[in-house]
Amino acid sequence: MGGLKALAFAAVAGIVAQAAPATAEVKARLPKGGSARIRLAFRQGVQVEATRLPRKFLTVRSGPWASYFDLTPEGRLWALHALFPEDRWTTTEVRHKVRWPELESVWLMSALFVGHGQHYDKLQAANPARPEKLRLGDVWVIPRTLLARELGGRGQAKVDRSQPEDGLDDEARVAAYRALLTFGEDRQGKFAAYHLRKGEALYTAVVMRYTDQVDPKGVNDLALAIARRSGIEEVRAIQPGQVIKIPQELLADPFQAEGSVALAEEREVRAEVRRTTVAEAGPRLKGIRIVLDAGHGGVDKGAAANGAWESDFVYDIAMRVRRLLEQDTEAVVSSTIRYPSIGFKVRESITRPTSDAEILTTPPFANDGESPNAVSVHLRWVLANDLFAGFCRTGDARKTLFISFHADSLHPSARGTMVYVPGASGVPSSFALGDRRAARVKEMKVGSRVAFSARERLQSEARSRLFAEALLKALGLDDLPVHGNRPIRNVIQRSGKSFVPAVIRYNAAATKVLVEVANLTNEDDVENLKDPAFRERYAEAVVNAVKAFYRS
């Protein structure tokens, strides 16, 4: 159990300053010489002098001082051994000796050793004889079953982040979240105030719920900005009841103040959802036209983390959906992409990225890096539009469905499926694909130009939301994880820009969604994605959702 062995290079050179209860500071030797200061501040947690740290100790370098939670596992071990040199690390437990009772707390101890302050009750249960008010020299035991995995433990403690809103449908859930906000204004401007609840974290319960930000850097940066706005120094040490002030301009549309244009548009869409009826089909989906898309492929493997990558795993799910639809229904099913070396087969084992992939245009377009990646992205909706146009000459245009499968790379605290729908305000009234982003394929003639009326854009978002709701319900019935806050979104925000993904923005299908199956930076999600049984269950849930949607 290497993570539990004391690090010789973490010996403390000595206490530089101690001004209880404000701050304690030590100077700790670094592995290859030199030293860095580590501070333990009252109600602020641990900060490390980032400018002196080796690269292998930091996950991100954003200023002169880094939070303990910005350190890599090796960096965290070094910091803990430096701050608490009298602690004993064994193969079964850590025996932590309280060094600064004025600055330490059970909450902080839990945050540092277990992974989150919300585990404080489990830590207290493991030390029933110890009073909650810490005393100098008290020894607290952190069993290996509680110790965070990155520190060499089993990390079995899980924060219960379930909330009363979890069982609600999307509209009711968003309304319930909105009811938890109060609006105000101070010297820094207008804000929405939220009281953090037990089991909630600033990253997920505030940033990813109340704003449209989901990518790791954006979530981290926004969490820090909101924390500063709220007078909070350490985002991982926030206790339940803390008031969080979210600047009004950062709020997603459903949470904007009364009287705003964004909130009015949100309510118009919700009203359209309630009015919308879906064209029905029998249990075998006769008369339904479905196009399945698997993101990335070929030279573009998409997002990657924790030993998994996007392209092959979502391709396998799409192929399983295709197989089930073809064997169990009469729907007409097509794919936008094919891996020539695999064909439309499913796989039990995925060991390496597949290097060959082609968009199934006429002729096929190889995703081999010879053309800009955007060409491959655009050809997917061009192909889909051409297929739908052919179907609509004799079939019902309302019975067209497009599903694009992806796997995201979000903040690691996020888990489960998210579904993106084409937000009406983000879809243009008309669009034609220019030559620079196109290829010489037959489908360009019909599929590369689109035009949508305001009514069509509104109806498209409404139908797509209804399908997204059906999908999330089907996943839930099979206990497949779903994103815990707002799993249905109508916009992506990344690098300061808000947009609707091109594959659904310019898509002529009556109903279209982009499904982020899993979060590759979340270890539990990746473990699921690598399991062929999970991929099969996921595909079955998708097919069940399609059947339920067209029977509604």
Protein backbone atom coordinates (compact mmCIF):
# COMPACT_ATOMS: atom_id res chain seq x y z
CA MET A 1 0.00 0.00 0.00
CA GLY A 2 2.49 2.55 -1.27
CA GLY A 3 0.27 5.60 -0.72
CA LEU A 4 0.35 5.04 3.03
CA LYS A 5 4.14 5.01 3.36
CA ALA A 6 5.70 8.10 4.83
CA LEU A 7 7.47 10.28 2.28
CA ALA A 8 10.98 10.95 3.51
CA PHE A 9 11.28 14.17 1.51
CA ALA A 10 8.21 15.61 3.26
CA ALA A 11 10.03 16.30 6.53
CA VAL A 12 9.22 19.72 7.88
CA ALA A 13 12.05 22.19 8.13
CA GLY A 14 10.25 23.90 10.97
CA ILE A 15 7.33 26.14 11.80
CA VAL A 16 7.88 29.54 10.25
CA ALA A 17 4.97 31.34 11.86
CA GLN A 18 2.00 30.43 14.00
CA ALA A 19 -0.59 33.07 14.76
CA ALA A 20 -3.52 31.20 16.24
CA PRO A 21 -6.25 31.12 15.34
CA ALA A 22 -5.59 32.88 12.02
CA THR A 23 -2.84 30.92 10.26
CA ALA A 24 -0.16 28.29 10.72
CA GLU A 25 2.65 28.01 8.21
CA VAL A 26 5.41 25.49 7.62
CA LYS A 27 8.27 25.35 5.16
CA ALA A 28 8.57 21.89 3.62
CA ARG A 29 11.43 20.39 1.66
CA LEU A 30 10.74 19.37 -1.93
CA PRO A 31 11.89 16.04 -3.45
CA LYS A 32 14.67 17.49 -5.60
CA GLY A 33 15.79 20.26 -3.31
CA GLY A 34 14.38 23.63 -2.36
CA SER A 35 11.28 24.19 -0.27
CA ALA A 36 7.76 25.55 -0.42
CA ARG A 37 5.50 27.10 2.19
CA ILE A 38 2.25 25.45 3.25
CA ARG A 39 -0.43 27.40 5.10
CA LEU A 40 -3.28 26.16 7.24
CA ALA A 41 -5.72 29.05 7.62
CA PHE A 42 -8.72 29.37 9.90
CA ARG A 43 -11.88 28.22 8.02
CA GLN A 44 -9.96 28.39 4.73
CA GLY A 45 -8.14 25.07 4.64
CA VAL A 46 -4.71 24.32 3.21
CA GLN A 47 -2.87 26.41 0.64
CA VAL A 48 0.53 25.71 -0.91
CA GLU A 49 3.10 28.03 -2.46
CA ALA A 50 2.44 26.98 -6.05
CA THR A 51 5.27 28.86 -7.75
CA ARG A 52 7.84 26.58 -6.10
CA LEU A 53 6.12 23.25 -6.67
CA PRO A 54 7.26 20.72 -9.29
CA ARG A 55 4.79 20.16 -12.13
CA LYS A 56 3.99 16.65 -10.91
CA PHE A 57 2.49 18.11 -7.72
CA LEU A 58 -0.07 20.37 -9.43
CA THR A 59 -3.17 19.68 -11.52
CA VAL A 60 -3.52 23.36 -12.43
CA ARG A 61 -1.31 26.41 -11.92
CA SER A 62 -3.49 29.51 -11.65
CA GLY A 63 -1.77 31.76 -9.13
CA PRO A 64 0.96 32.08 -6.50
CA TRP A 65 -0.92 29.87 -4.03
CA ALA A 66 -2.71 26.59 -4.80
CA SER A 67 -5.50 24.93 -2.87
CA TYR A 68 -4.82 21.48 -1.42
CA PHE A 69 -7.46 20.22 -3.87
CA ASP A 70 -5.46 21.57 -6.81
CA LEU A 71 -2.63 19.17 -5.94
CA THR A 72 -2.07 15.77 -7.52
CA PRO A 73 -2.29 12.70 -5.24
CA GLU A 74 1.51 12.80 -4.84
CA GLY A 75 1.32 16.49 -4.02
CA ARG A 76 -1.40 15.91 -1.43
CA LEU A 77 0.61 13.20 0.30
CA TRP A 78 3.63 15.50 0.42
CA ALA A 79 1.54 18.33 1.92
CA LEU A 80 -0.08 16.11 4.57
CA HIS A 81 3.24 14.64 5.70
CA ALA A 82 4.71 18.14 5.84
CA LEU A 83 1.86 19.63 7.85
CA PHE A 84 1.45 16.69 10.22
CA PRO A 85 4.84 14.94 10.64
CA GLU A 86 3.72 13.10 13.78
CA ASP A 87 0.91 11.27 11.97
CA ARG A 88 1.39 7.51 11.63
CA TRP A 89 0.53 5.92 8.29
CA THR A 90 0.11 2.13 8.32
CA THR A 91 -1.37 -0.42 5.98
CA THR A 92 -4.72 -0.30 7.81
CA GLU A 93 -5.16 3.30 8.96
CA VAL A 94 -3.80 6.76 9.46
CA ARG A 95 -3.46 7.94 13.06
CA HIS A 96 -3.73 11.72 12.86
CA LYS A 97 -2.39 13.74 15.80
CA VAL A 98 -4.05 17.13 16.23
CA ARG A 99 -1.33 19.78 15.91
CA TRP A 100 -3.30 23.04 15.70
CA PRO A 101 -6.61 22.63 17.59
CA GLU A 102 -7.53 26.27 16.93
CA LEU A 103 -7.32 25.74 13.18
CA GLU A 104 -8.25 22.10 12.66
CA SER A 105 -11.76 20.67 12.75
CA VAL A 106 -13.41 17.32 12.07
CA TRP A 107 -14.75 18.86 8.87
CA LEU A 108 -11.26 19.88 7.70
CA MET A 109 -9.79 16.53 8.72
CA SER A 110 -12.46 14.80 6.66
CA ALA A 111 -11.83 17.10 3.68
CA LEU A 112 -8.06 16.45 3.74
CA PHE A 113 -7.98 12.72 4.46
CA VAL A 114 -11.34 11.37 3.28
CA GLY A 115 -11.96 13.59 0.27
CA HIS A 116 -14.80 15.89 1.36
CA GLY A 117 -15.85 17.65 4.54
CA GLN A 118 -19.33 16.12 4.20
CA HIS A 119 -17.84 12.83 5.43
CA TYR A 120 -17.30 14.30 8.92
CA ASP A 121 -20.10 12.17 10.42
CA LYS A 122 -18.41 8.95 9.23
CA LEU A 123 -15.11 10.11 10.69
CA GLN A 124 -16.79 10.86 14.01
CA ALA A 125 -18.44 7.42 13.97
CA ALA A 126 -14.98 5.84 13.56
CA ASN A 127 -13.76 7.80 16.61
CA PRO A 128 -16.66 7.67 19.10
CA ALA A 129 -14.52 8.52 22.12
CA ARG A 130 -13.23 11.79 20.64
CA PRO A 131 -15.08 15.07 21.29
CA GLU A 132 -15.97 17.18 18.24
CA LYS A 133 -13.97 20.08 19.71
CA LEU A 134 -10.39 19.10 18.96
CA ARG A 135 -7.67 19.16 21.61
CA LEU A 136 -3.91 19.40 21.17
CA GLY A 137 -2.39 15.93 20.92
CA ASP A 138 -5.68 14.07 20.37
CA VAL A 139 -5.25 11.13 17.98
CA TRP A 140 -7.98 10.53 15.37
CA VAL A 141 -8.04 7.28 13.41
CA ILE A 142 -8.83 7.37 9.68
CA PRO A 143 -9.49 3.75 8.67
CA ARG A 144 -8.32 2.62 5.26
CA THR A 145 -11.99 2.15 4.26
CA LEU A 146 -12.52 5.91 4.72
CA LEU A 147 -9.16 7.16 3.48
CA ALA A 148 -9.38 8.69 -0.01
CA ARG A 149 -8.26 6.43 -2.82
CA GLU A 150 -5.68 8.90 -4.09
CA LEU A 151 -4.01 8.69 -0.66
CA GLY A 152 -3.82 4.91 -0.80
CA GLY A 153 -7.12 4.06 0.88
CA ARG A 154 -10.23 2.34 -0.34
CA GLY A 155 -12.27 5.51 -0.54
CA GLN A 156 -15.53 3.74 0.19
CA ALA A 157 -17.16 6.70 1.89
CA LYS A 158 -19.70 8.27 -0.43
CA VAL A 159 -21.45 11.56 0.14
CA ASP A 160 -25.21 11.23 -0.07
CA ARG A 161 -25.99 13.86 -2.67
CA SER A 162 -29.57 12.78 -3.25
CA GLN A 163 -32.11 15.58 -2.94
CA PRO A 164 -35.92 15.79 -2.98
CA GLU A 165 -35.84 17.12 -6.56
CA ASP A 166 -34.20 13.97 -7.98
CA GLY A 167 -37.48 12.18 -8.70
CA LEU A 168 -39.13 15.08 -10.52
CA ASP A 169 -39.45 15.53 -14.27
CA ASP A 170 -37.32 18.20 -15.88
CA GLU A 171 -39.79 21.09 -15.70
CA ALA A 172 -40.76 20.41 -12.09
CA ARG A 173 -37.13 19.91 -11.09
CA VAL A 174 -36.02 23.22 -12.60
CA ALA A 175 -38.96 24.98 -10.93
CA ALA A 176 -37.99 23.46 -7.58
CA TYR A 177 -34.38 24.58 -8.02
CA ARG A 178 -35.55 28.08 -8.87
CA ALA A 179 -37.64 28.18 -5.70
CA LEU A 180 -34.44 27.69 -3.67
CA LEU A 181 -33.06 31.03 -4.90
CA THR A 182 -33.61 34.50 -3.53
CA PHE A 183 -32.62 37.57 -5.50
CA GLY A 184 -30.75 40.56 -4.14
CA GLU A 185 -28.27 43.31 -4.87
CA ASP A 186 -25.20 44.64 -3.09
CA ARG A 187 -22.25 46.87 -3.96
CA GLN A 188 -20.92 44.31 -6.41
CA GLY A 189 -24.18 44.05 -8.31
CA LYS A 190 -27.25 41.82 -8.63
CA PHE A 191 -27.10 38.21 -7.50
CA ALA A 192 -29.14 35.11 -6.71
CA ALA A 193 -28.52 33.71 -3.23
CA TYR A 194 -28.50 29.98 -2.51
CA HIS A 195 -28.05 28.16 0.82
CA LEU A 196 -25.86 25.09 0.33
CA ARG A 197 -27.48 21.91 1.67
CA LYS A 198 -25.87 18.89 3.32
CA GLY A 199 -24.18 16.65 0.79
CA GLU A 200 -23.89 19.41 -1.81
CA ALA A 201 -20.74 20.81 -3.36
CA LEU A 202 -20.22 24.24 -4.90
CA TYR A 203 -19.13 22.71 -8.21
CA THR A 204 -22.24 20.62 -8.81
CA ALA A 205 -25.04 22.08 -6.69
CA VAL A 206 -24.33 25.67 -7.73
CA VAL A 207 -22.12 26.00 -10.83
CA MET A 208 -23.37 23.01 -12.82
CA ARG A 209 -26.97 23.44 -11.68
CA TYR A 210 -27.54 27.19 -11.90
CA THR A 211 -25.24 28.09 -14.79
CA ASP A 212 -24.70 26.45 -18.19
CA GLN A 213 -21.05 25.74 -17.42
CA VAL A 214 -20.03 22.05 -17.41
CA ASP A 215 -16.45 21.69 -18.72
CA PRO A 216 -13.79 21.15 -16.02
CA LYS A 217 -11.83 24.40 -16.37
CA GLY A 218 -14.98 26.49 -16.72
CA VAL A 219 -16.55 24.89 -13.65
CA ASN A 220 -13.40 25.31 -11.57
CA ASP A 221 -12.90 28.94 -12.60
CA LEU A 222 -16.53 29.82 -12.01
CA ALA A 223 -16.61 28.04 -8.65
CA LEU A 224 -13.63 30.10 -7.51
CA ALA A 225 -15.21 33.33 -8.80
CA ILE A 226 -18.52 32.60 -7.05
CA ALA A 227 -16.68 31.62 -3.87
CA ARG A 228 -14.81 34.94 -3.86
CA ARG A 229 -18.08 36.78 -4.53
CA SER A 230 -19.52 34.99 -1.49
CA GLY A 231 -16.53 35.64 0.79
CA ILE A 232 -15.40 32.00 0.76
CA GLU A 233 -11.70 31.16 0.66
CA GLU A 234 -11.76 27.36 0.33
CA VAL A 235 -14.45 25.83 -1.89
CA ARG A 236 -14.02 22.29 -0.51
CA ALA A 237 -14.49 23.37 3.09
CA ILE A 238 -17.93 24.97 2.74
CA GLN A 239 -20.38 23.78 5.37
CA PRO A 240 -24.16 23.35 4.97
CA GLY A 241 -26.12 26.58 5.30
CA GLN A 242 -23.43 28.76 3.72
CA VAL A 243 -24.97 31.52 1.60
CA ILE A 244 -23.68 31.42 -1.99
CA LYS A 245 -24.06 34.56 -4.11
CA ILE A 246 -24.29 33.82 -7.83
CA PRO A 247 -23.85 36.91 -10.03
CA GLN A 248 -27.07 37.36 -11.99
CA GLU A 249 -25.32 37.52 -15.36
CA LEU A 250 -23.94 33.99 -14.85
CA LEU A 251 -27.34 32.36 -14.30
CA ALA A 252 -28.76 30.00 -16.92
CA ASP A 253 -32.01 31.09 -18.57
CA PRO A 254 -34.40 29.20 -16.21
CA PHE A 255 -32.94 31.05 -13.23
CA GLN A 256 -32.83 34.59 -14.54
CA ALA A 257 -34.75 37.29 -12.70
CA GLU A 258 -38.43 37.97 -13.34
CA GLY A 259 -38.96 40.24 -16.31
CA SER A 260 -35.88 39.07 -18.23
CA VAL A 261 -36.07 38.09 -21.90
CA ALA A 262 -34.23 34.83 -21.21
CA LEU A 263 -36.79 33.72 -18.61
CA ALA A 264 -39.68 34.65 -20.91
CA GLU A 265 -38.20 32.50 -23.71
CA GLU A 266 -37.69 29.62 -21.29
CA ARG A 267 -41.33 29.77 -20.22
CA GLU A 268 -42.48 29.90 -23.84
CA VAL A 269 -40.62 26.67 -24.55
CA ARG A 270 -42.08 24.99 -21.45
CA ALA A 271 -45.58 25.99 -22.55
CA GLU A 272 -44.91 24.52 -26.00
CA VAL A 273 -43.74 21.25 -24.42
CA ARG A 274 -47.06 20.99 -22.57
CA ARG A 275 -49.00 21.63 -25.80
CA THR A 276 -46.99 19.25 -27.98
CA THR A 277 -48.30 15.86 -29.03
CA VAL A 278 -46.07 13.22 -30.59
CA ALA A 279 -47.02 11.29 -33.72
CA GLU A 280 -47.84 7.78 -32.53
CA ALA A 281 -46.58 4.47 -33.85
CA GLY A 282 -47.24 0.87 -32.85
CA PRO A 283 -44.91 -1.13 -30.60
CA ARG A 284 -42.84 -2.16 -33.62
CA LEU A 285 -42.30 1.50 -34.64
CA LYS A 286 -43.62 1.03 -38.17
CA GLY A 287 -43.29 4.28 -40.14
CA ILE A 288 -40.49 5.72 -37.94
CA ARG A 289 -37.23 6.92 -39.55
CA ILE A 290 -34.20 6.94 -37.22
CA VAL A 291 -30.64 8.09 -37.89
CA LEU A 292 -27.96 7.14 -35.35
CA ASP A 293 -24.72 9.07 -35.04
CA ALA A 294 -21.64 8.16 -32.98
CA GLY A 295 -19.38 11.11 -32.28
CA HIS A 296 -15.77 11.43 -33.47
CA GLY A 297 -14.01 8.32 -34.89
CA GLY A 298 -10.93 7.61 -36.98
CA VAL A 299 -8.10 10.02 -36.22
CA ASP A 300 -10.42 11.85 -33.82
CA LYS A 301 -10.92 9.72 -30.71
CA GLY A 302 -12.74 12.50 -28.87
CA ALA A 303 -12.49 13.03 -25.12
CA ALA A 304 -10.19 10.70 -23.19
CA ALA A 305 -9.54 10.07 -19.49
CA ASN A 306 -9.11 7.22 -17.01
CA GLY A 307 -8.10 4.72 -19.67
CA ALA A 308 -11.15 5.30 -21.88
CA TRP A 309 -11.81 7.43 -24.94
CA GLU A 310 -15.01 8.65 -26.49
CA SER A 311 -15.13 7.35 -30.06
CA ASP A 312 -15.06 3.54 -29.79
CA PHE A 313 -17.25 3.25 -26.72
CA VAL A 314 -20.09 5.42 -28.03
CA TYR A 315 -19.79 3.73 -31.44
CA ASP A 316 -20.36 0.39 -29.72
CA ILE A 317 -23.45 1.73 -27.95
CA ALA A 318 -24.80 3.12 -31.24
CA MET A 319 -24.23 -0.27 -32.91
CA ARG A 320 -26.07 -2.04 -30.10
CA VAL A 321 -29.00 0.37 -30.49
CA ARG A 322 -28.97 -0.24 -34.24
CA ARG A 323 -28.97 -4.03 -33.76
CA LEU A 324 -31.86 -3.94 -31.28
CA LEU A 325 -33.94 -1.61 -33.45
CA GLU A 326 -33.38 -3.75 -36.53
CA GLN A 327 -34.23 -7.04 -34.81
CA ASP A 328 -37.12 -5.85 -32.62
CA THR A 329 -38.85 -3.11 -34.66
CA GLU A 330 -39.89 -2.11 -38.17
CA ALA A 331 -38.30 1.33 -37.93
CA VAL A 332 -36.01 2.31 -40.80
CA VAL A 333 -32.57 2.78 -39.22
CA SER A 334 -29.39 4.31 -40.67
CA SER A 335 -25.98 5.27 -39.28
CA THR A 336 -23.95 8.33 -40.16
CA ILE A 337 -20.60 6.65 -39.50
CA ARG A 338 -19.00 3.23 -39.94
CA TYR A 339 -15.70 1.74 -38.85
CA PRO A 340 -14.64 -0.37 -41.89
CA SER A 341 -12.56 -2.79 -39.84
CA ILE A 342 -15.49 -3.49 -37.53
CA GLY A 343 -18.57 -2.85 -39.61
CA PHE A 344 -21.82 -2.58 -37.68
CA LYS A 345 -20.85 -5.30 -35.18
CA VAL A 346 -20.81 -4.90 -31.42
CA ARG A 347 -17.75 -5.70 -29.33
CA GLU A 348 -17.27 -7.30 -25.94
CA SER A 349 -13.72 -5.94 -25.61
CA ILE A 350 -12.39 -2.52 -26.64
CA THR A 351 -8.65 -2.33 -26.09
CA ARG A 352 -7.39 0.46 -28.36
CA PRO A 353 -8.75 3.32 -30.49
CA THR A 354 -9.87 2.27 -33.97
CA SER A 355 -7.92 4.24 -36.55
CA ASP A 356 -10.32 3.99 -39.48
CA ALA A 357 -13.78 5.56 -39.74
CA GLU A 358 -15.87 6.96 -42.55
CA ILE A 359 -18.97 9.10 -42.83
CA LEU A 360 -21.47 7.17 -44.95
CA THR A 361 -22.00 9.78 -47.62
CA THR A 362 -21.75 9.11 -51.38
CA PRO A 363 -18.85 8.52 -51.77
CA PRO A 364 -17.87 7.74 -48.15
CA PHE A 365 -15.81 10.44 -46.45
CA ALA A 366 -12.79 9.06 -44.56
CA ASN A 367 -12.20 10.68 -41.18
CA ASP A 368 -8.43 10.39 -41.63
CA GLY A 369 -7.28 13.91 -40.85
CA GLU A 370 -6.79 14.94 -44.48
CA SER A 371 -9.64 17.46 -44.15
CA PRO A 372 -10.44 19.71 -41.16
CA ASN A 373 -12.34 17.91 -38.40
CA ALA A 374 -15.28 20.30 -38.87
CA VAL A 375 -15.98 18.71 -42.27
CA SER A 376 -16.71 15.37 -40.61
CA VAL A 377 -18.94 17.07 -38.04
CA HIS A 378 -21.00 18.92 -40.66
CA LEU A 379 -21.32 15.95 -43.00
CA ARG A 380 -23.20 14.05 -40.30
CA TRP A 381 -26.17 16.42 -40.35
CA VAL A 382 -25.90 16.86 -44.12
CA LEU A 383 -26.21 13.08 -44.53
CA ALA A 384 -29.05 12.88 -42.00
CA ASN A 385 -30.95 15.67 -43.75
CA ASP A 386 -30.62 13.89 -47.08
CA LEU A 387 -31.91 10.65 -45.57
CA PHE A 388 -34.83 12.41 -43.92
CA ALA A 389 -35.70 14.27 -47.13
CA GLY A 390 -35.97 10.97 -49.00
CA PHE A 391 -38.20 9.51 -46.28
CA CYS A 392 -40.47 12.55 -46.08
CA ARG A 393 -41.43 12.26 -49.73
CA THR A 394 -43.66 9.33 -48.75
CA GLY A 395 -43.51 9.23 -44.93
CA ASP A 396 -44.58 11.43 -42.01
CA ALA A 397 -41.97 14.14 -41.30
CA ARG A 398 -43.04 14.15 -37.63
CA LYS A 399 -41.76 10.58 -37.31
CA THR A 400 -38.08 11.40 -37.88
CA LEU A 401 -35.58 10.97 -35.02
CA PHE A 402 -31.85 11.72 -34.83
CA ILE A 403 -29.68 10.56 -31.91
CA SER A 404 -25.99 11.47 -31.60
CA PHE A 405 -24.01 9.55 -28.95
CA HIS A 406 -21.05 11.10 -27.15
CA ALA A 407 -19.09 10.88 -23.87
CA ASP A 408 -18.08 14.11 -22.20
CA SER A 409 -15.11 15.27 -20.16
CA LEU A 410 -16.72 17.28 -17.35
CA HIS A 411 -15.78 18.18 -13.81
CA PRO A 412 -15.01 14.82 -12.12
CA SER A 413 -17.79 15.31 -9.56
CA ALA A 414 -20.38 15.03 -12.35
CA ARG A 415 -21.72 11.59 -13.19
CA GLY A 416 -24.21 10.05 -15.59
CA THR A 417 -26.05 10.97 -18.76
CA MET A 418 -26.82 14.48 -20.00
CA VAL A 419 -29.01 15.17 -23.03
CA TYR A 420 -28.69 18.25 -25.24
CA VAL A 421 -31.67 19.47 -27.27
CA PRO A 422 -31.68 22.23 -29.93
CA GLY A 423 -32.55 25.42 -28.06
CA ALA A 424 -34.97 27.40 -30.24
CA SER A 425 -33.09 30.66 -29.73
CA GLY A 426 -29.80 29.02 -30.79
CA VAL A 427 -31.04 27.60 -34.10
CA PRO A 428 -30.85 29.91 -37.15
CA SER A 429 -33.80 30.61 -39.42
CA SER A 430 -31.68 29.46 -42.36
CA PHE A 431 -28.21 28.10 -43.03
CA ALA A 432 -26.21 26.85 -46.01
CA LEU A 433 -22.93 24.97 -45.60
CA GLY A 434 -20.11 26.77 -47.41
CA ASP A 435 -17.52 25.09 -49.59
CA ARG A 436 -14.72 25.48 -47.01
CA ARG A 437 -16.54 23.23 -44.54
CA ALA A 438 -17.95 20.80 -47.08
CA ALA A 439 -16.90 17.84 -49.20
CA ARG A 440 -17.83 16.71 -52.71
CA VAL A 441 -20.52 14.23 -51.82
CA LYS A 442 -23.95 13.64 -53.37
CA GLU A 443 -25.83 14.50 -50.17
CA MET A 444 -24.65 18.11 -50.25
CA LYS A 445 -27.21 18.95 -52.95
CA VAL A 446 -30.21 18.33 -50.68
CA GLY A 447 -28.86 18.14 -47.14
CA SER A 448 -26.59 21.17 -46.86
CA ARG A 449 -29.29 23.87 -46.77
CA VAL A 450 -31.89 24.31 -44.04
CA ALA A 451 -34.63 26.79 -43.23
CA PHE A 452 -36.74 26.85 -40.06
CA SER A 453 -39.65 29.08 -39.13
CA ALA A 454 -39.87 30.39 -35.56
CA ARG A 455 -42.70 27.94 -34.97
CA GLU A 456 -40.66 25.01 -36.27
CA ARG A 457 -37.73 25.89 -34.04
CA LEU A 458 -39.99 26.03 -31.00
CA GLN A 459 -41.70 22.74 -31.86
CA SER A 460 -38.36 21.05 -32.49
CA GLU A 461 -37.08 21.97 -29.06
CA ALA A 462 -40.35 20.85 -27.46
CA ARG A 463 -40.37 17.43 -29.18
CA SER A 464 -36.69 16.93 -28.43
CA ARG A 465 -37.27 17.74 -24.75
CA LEU A 466 -40.07 15.19 -24.62
CA PHE A 467 -37.79 12.51 -26.08
CA ALA A 468 -34.99 13.49 -23.69
CA GLU A 469 -37.45 13.07 -20.82
CA ALA A 470 -38.43 9.62 -22.13
CA LEU A 471 -34.77 8.62 -22.38
CA LEU A 472 -33.93 9.74 -18.85
CA LYS A 473 -36.96 7.89 -17.52
CA ALA A 474 -35.90 4.70 -19.33
CA LEU A 475 -32.37 5.01 -17.95
CA GLY A 476 -33.73 5.52 -14.44
CA LEU A 477 -35.96 2.46 -14.66
CA ASP A 478 -32.83 0.39 -15.30
CA ASP A 479 -30.81 2.15 -12.57
CA LEU A 480 -28.43 3.68 -15.12
CA PRO A 481 -26.83 6.90 -13.82
CA VAL A 482 -28.23 10.26 -14.89
CA HIS A 483 -26.63 13.67 -14.31
CA GLY A 484 -27.74 14.86 -10.88
CA ASN A 485 -28.83 18.45 -11.49
CA ARG A 486 -30.11 19.56 -14.89
CA PRO A 487 -29.69 16.51 -17.14
CA ILE A 488 -31.53 18.18 -20.06
CA ARG A 489 -29.82 21.24 -21.57
CA ASN A 490 -30.54 23.34 -24.66
CA VAL A 491 -27.15 24.99 -24.94
CA ILE A 492 -23.47 24.18 -24.39
CA GLN A 493 -21.25 26.78 -22.81
CA ARG A 494 -17.54 26.39 -23.40
CA SER A 495 -14.58 28.80 -23.60
CA GLY A 496 -16.86 31.76 -23.03
CA LYS A 497 -19.23 30.82 -25.88
CA SER A 498 -22.77 29.44 -25.82
CA PHE A 499 -23.89 27.27 -28.73
CA VAL A 500 -26.12 24.46 -29.91
CA PRO A 501 -24.02 21.54 -31.33
CA ALA A 502 -23.99 21.58 -35.14
CA VAL A 503 -25.31 18.01 -35.51
CA ILE A 504 -28.62 19.07 -33.95
CA ARG A 505 -28.52 22.81 -34.77
CA TYR A 506 -28.82 22.31 -38.54
CA ASN A 507 -30.64 18.99 -38.41
CA ALA A 508 -34.00 18.65 -40.20
CA ALA A 509 -35.30 15.80 -38.00
CA ALA A 510 -38.51 16.54 -36.13
CA THR A 511 -36.83 15.25 -32.96
CA LYS A 512 -33.09 15.39 -32.36
CA VAL A 513 -30.84 14.98 -29.34
CA LEU A 514 -27.16 14.77 -28.51
CA VAL A 515 -26.65 12.25 -25.70
CA GLU A 516 -23.60 12.53 -23.45
CA VAL A 517 -23.64 8.95 -22.18
CA ALA A 518 -21.04 9.37 -19.45
CA ASN A 519 -18.36 11.64 -17.99
CA LEU A 520 -14.91 10.25 -18.74
CA THR A 521 -13.26 12.13 -15.89
CA ASN A 522 -15.53 10.31 -13.41
CA GLU A 523 -14.02 6.93 -12.52
CA ASP A 524 -17.39 5.27 -11.85
CA ASP A 525 -18.71 6.38 -15.24
CA VAL A 526 -15.63 5.03 -16.99
CA GLU A 527 -15.90 1.70 -15.18
CA ASN A 528 -19.46 1.45 -16.50
CA LEU A 529 -18.54 2.45 -20.05
CA LYS A 530 -15.83 -0.22 -20.25
CA ASP A 531 -18.34 -2.91 -19.26
CA PRO A 532 -20.09 -4.49 -22.31
CA ALA A 533 -23.03 -5.44 -20.09
CA PHE A 534 -23.52 -1.76 -19.24
CA ARG A 535 -23.35 -0.79 -22.90
CA GLU A 536 -25.99 -3.40 -23.72
CA ARG A 537 -28.28 -2.22 -20.91
CA TYR A 538 -27.81 1.35 -22.08
CA ALA A 539 -28.75 0.43 -25.66
CA GLU A 540 -31.84 -1.41 -24.40
CA ALA A 541 -32.87 1.69 -22.44
CA VAL A 542 -32.49 3.85 -25.56
CA VAL A 543 -34.71 1.50 -27.57
CA ASN A 544 -37.27 1.41 -24.75
CA ALA A 545 -37.27 5.21 -24.75
CA VAL A 546 -37.92 5.33 -28.50
CA LYS A 547 -40.84 2.92 -28.12
CA ALA A 548 -42.28 4.87 -25.19
CA PHE A 549 -41.87 8.21 -26.99
CA TYR A 550 -43.84 7.13 -30.06
CA ARG A 551 -46.56 5.56 -27.93
CA SER A 552 -47.08 8.75 -25.89
